Amino acid sequence: MQLVVMAALLALVEAGRGCSFGCHPTNISIPVESCGIAELVHTTICAGQCYHEDPVYIGHDDWAEQKICNGDWSYEVKHIKGCPVGVTYPVARNCECTACNTGNTFCGRFPGDVPSCPRF
């Protein structure tokens, strides 16, 4: 159940929400359901872009370490009125740019268009 809520949470993040360098907690609302009753839960996720530059020359050992926006997560339980079964949902406690973990994240190049942010 936690994985389903986490997947729904990440799917709700709007990619085109604007440019935001730096990794930070962002408030969002996600729908949760228990006993056939749906409610919105207000929580936080990690959002923002981590600065990355591709090297001019990439040799066999020169792959630049990719950073992703991630953080410390905890889980809270929401009890919906009239339902004895609580719903567990994720809450981001703090966020930072960390090395991409290939064990649980796709760390390859994104084949689509990624909106760019102006550099100041």
Protein backbone atom coordinates (compact mmCIF):
# COMPACT_ATOMS: atom_id res chain seq x y z
CA MET A 1 0.00 0.00 0.00
CA GLN A 2 2.86 2.41 0.80
CA LEU A 3 4.38 1.84 -2.62
CA VAL A 4 1.06 2.61 -4.34
CA VAL A 5 0.66 5.87 -2.41
CA MET A 6 4.30 6.82 -3.16
CA ALA A 7 3.82 6.13 -6.88
CA ALA A 8 0.63 8.20 -6.93
CA LEU A 9 2.39 10.99 -5.09
CA LEU A 10 5.26 11.14 -7.56
CA ALA A 11 2.88 10.99 -10.52
CA LEU A 12 1.08 14.09 -9.26
CA VAL A 13 4.18 16.28 -9.31
CA GLU A 14 3.90 18.65 -12.22
CA ALA A 15 7.09 18.67 -14.30
CA GLY A 16 6.28 21.99 -15.94
CA ARG A 17 5.62 23.84 -12.72
CA GLY A 18 8.47 26.24 -13.41
CA CYS A 19 12.18 26.32 -12.85
CA SER A 20 13.37 25.58 -9.40
CA PHE A 21 17.03 24.84 -8.82
CA GLY A 22 17.82 23.32 -5.54
CA CYS A 23 16.10 20.48 -3.82
CA HIS A 24 13.46 21.41 -1.26
CA PRO A 25 10.28 20.12 0.40
CA THR A 26 7.12 21.10 -1.49
CA ASN A 27 3.55 20.94 -0.19
CA ILE A 28 1.08 18.88 -2.22
CA SER A 29 -2.26 17.15 -1.73
CA ILE A 30 -2.77 13.52 -2.75
CA PRO A 31 -5.94 11.42 -2.83
CA VAL A 32 -6.01 8.38 -0.54
CA GLU A 33 -8.74 5.75 -0.22
CA SER A 34 -9.78 3.36 2.50
CA CYS A 35 -13.04 1.43 2.91
CA GLY A 36 -14.22 2.87 -0.41
CA ILE A 37 -13.99 6.44 0.94
CA ALA A 38 -11.55 8.89 -0.69
CA GLU A 39 -10.04 11.98 0.94
CA LEU A 40 -7.20 14.36 0.20
CA VAL A 41 -4.09 14.21 2.39
CA HIS A 42 -1.76 17.21 2.64
CA THR A 43 1.88 16.14 2.65
CA THR A 44 5.34 17.16 1.43
CA ILE A 45 7.56 15.75 -1.31
CA CYS A 46 11.08 16.55 -2.49
CA ALA A 47 11.05 18.71 -5.61
CA GLY A 48 13.50 20.79 -7.59
CA GLN A 49 16.39 20.27 -9.95
CA CYS A 50 19.90 19.31 -9.01
CA TYR A 51 22.64 21.08 -10.94
CA HIS A 52 24.46 18.83 -13.41
CA GLU A 53 26.85 19.41 -16.29
CA ASP A 54 27.83 16.79 -18.81
CA PRO A 55 31.59 16.65 -19.36
CA VAL A 56 32.88 17.67 -22.80
CA TYR A 57 34.68 14.35 -23.18
CA ILE A 58 33.35 11.13 -21.71
CA GLY A 59 35.88 8.35 -21.45
CA HIS A 60 35.41 4.92 -19.92
CA ASP A 61 36.05 6.22 -16.39
CA ASP A 62 34.84 9.80 -16.79
CA TRP A 63 31.11 9.46 -16.16
CA ALA A 64 29.91 12.42 -14.15
CA GLU A 65 28.05 11.46 -11.00
CA GLN A 66 24.37 12.21 -11.47
CA LYS A 67 22.56 13.86 -8.59
CA ILE A 68 18.84 13.58 -7.90
CA CYS A 69 16.49 15.37 -5.52
CA ASN A 70 15.83 12.99 -2.64
CA GLY A 71 15.43 13.16 1.08
CA ASP A 72 14.56 11.57 4.37
CA TRP A 73 11.07 10.11 4.33
CA SER A 74 8.78 9.09 7.12
CA TYR A 75 5.28 7.71 6.99
CA GLU A 76 2.15 8.96 8.69
CA VAL A 77 -1.27 7.36 9.02
CA LYS A 78 -4.54 9.04 8.03
CA HIS A 79 -7.75 7.73 9.59
CA ILE A 80 -10.79 8.44 7.45
CA LYS A 81 -13.97 9.05 9.40
CA GLY A 82 -16.16 5.95 9.39
CA CYS A 83 -13.32 3.56 8.46
CA PRO A 84 -11.30 1.52 10.96
CA VAL A 85 -8.43 0.97 8.50
CA GLY A 86 -5.82 3.75 8.35
CA VAL A 87 -3.99 4.78 5.19
CA THR A 88 -0.20 5.17 5.34
CA TYR A 89 1.31 7.95 3.22
CA PRO A 90 4.85 9.34 2.77
CA VAL A 91 6.12 12.66 4.13
CA ALA A 92 9.42 14.24 3.10
CA ARG A 93 11.22 15.55 6.20
CA ASN A 94 14.19 17.20 4.46
CA CYS A 95 15.52 17.19 0.92
CA GLU A 96 18.91 17.40 -0.75
CA CYS A 97 20.71 16.55 -3.97
CA THR A 98 22.22 13.09 -3.54
CA ALA A 99 23.97 10.59 -5.79
CA CYS A 100 21.56 8.58 -7.94
CA ASN A 101 21.02 5.07 -6.54
CA THR A 102 20.68 2.61 -9.43
CA GLY A 103 19.13 0.09 -7.03
CA ASN A 104 15.84 1.99 -6.85
CA THR A 105 16.06 4.77 -9.46
CA PHE A 106 16.57 4.99 -13.23
CA CYS A 107 19.83 6.92 -13.51
CA GLY A 108 20.22 6.92 -17.30
CA ARG A 109 19.68 9.78 -19.69
CA PHE A 110 16.07 10.88 -20.18
CA PRO A 111 15.18 10.41 -23.86
CA GLY A 112 12.50 13.13 -23.94
CA ASP A 113 12.59 16.90 -23.82
CA VAL A 114 13.43 18.43 -20.48
CA PRO A 115 12.52 22.09 -20.05
CA SER A 116 15.59 24.15 -19.34
CA CYS A 117 15.90 26.90 -16.79
CA PRO A 118 17.63 30.17 -17.54
CA ARG A 119 21.04 30.51 -15.90
CA PHE A 120 21.54 33.65 -13.91
